[in-house]
Amino acid sequence: MGGELAALTAACLWAVATVMFGRLGKALSPLVLNLAKGTIALSLLALTLALVGQSRAGLDRSAVGILALSGVVGIGLGDTAYFAAINRLGPRRALLLETLAPPLAALLALVVLQETLGPRAWLGMGLTLAGVVWVIAERVPGATGVAKPDWRGIVYGVLAALGQATGAVMSRAVLADTEVAPMWSSLLRLGGGVIVILAILRYQGPIAGPLRPLRSPRLLAGVALASVLGTYLAIYLQQTALKYAATGVAQALTSTSPLFVLPLAAALGERVSPRAVAGAVVALVGVGILVNG
């Protein structure tokens, strides 16, 4: 039960952070935004570990390497692709493509970890994803349709989902049935992500130029708040979920983020339709089946 609750809490925090990252993305490139939020969260995790003094049990060379590589794929590349998808498609469509992560993670876990799910778990996952898709695919009243799909944005969204799924399976391979603490795995994953982002930025040229917008105190404060919610807390909860719940279940529950956008939308004055409420109910039924499956 603890893993499932951690996954749902992470989904809620990621929903709030996604709204914030969507606005921050207007002033920062995906790489710079990912670097800033990763660096802030990494510093907070390192400080927390120094204060708590958590055991390094289970962190041999192999585990450290796999977790760091997981961060390279899932955070460094996956989150950068996700921010790019948000910029091109908007939060709603980007979150819709994010729902591809759970089935991809389950399939990868089936192949790599021989981790199987029972019929009830598959049913619950299907209902959860169906509810999410039903909510996010709804047309916004008054919105005009796009004649030509933004294929680059769609590719970014698919790559983000694949990166998240791959990173989750790699993390699960280390966390399952070991003494590795979720906080240490979070630190190592973030470290791997930050290193690869720095390498990409350095390859593109001097780093100082792209980082210049962060000199704005207001912008930096916004990035810091979104990083605390969406990375520092959410990634720790995600790692906790992956340690104590099956990969497909953890990924399905963390993908309920779009449902948590509904109260945010209502608070911002947007109309929440009956279809959105119905989709939320279907997804929550799926969550119940997953937790008890």
Foldseek 3Di string as FASTA:
>chain_A
DLLLVLLLLLLLLQLVLLVLLLVLCVVAQLLLLLLLLLVLLLVVLVVVCVVVVDDQFLDDPVLLVLLLVLLQLQRQQLSSLLSVLCNVPNPLVLLLLLLVQLVLLQVCCCVPVVDDDDPLQVVLLVLQNQLSNLQSVDDAPPDDDDPDDPVSSSVSSNSNSNSNSVSLSSLLVRQEPGPGALSVSLSSSSVSNNVVSVVVCVVVHDNCVSCVVCVDPVSSVSSSVSSVRNRNSSSSSLSSSSNPHPSSLSSSSSSSSSLSCQVVCVVVPGDQDPSNVVSSVSSVVSSVSNVVD
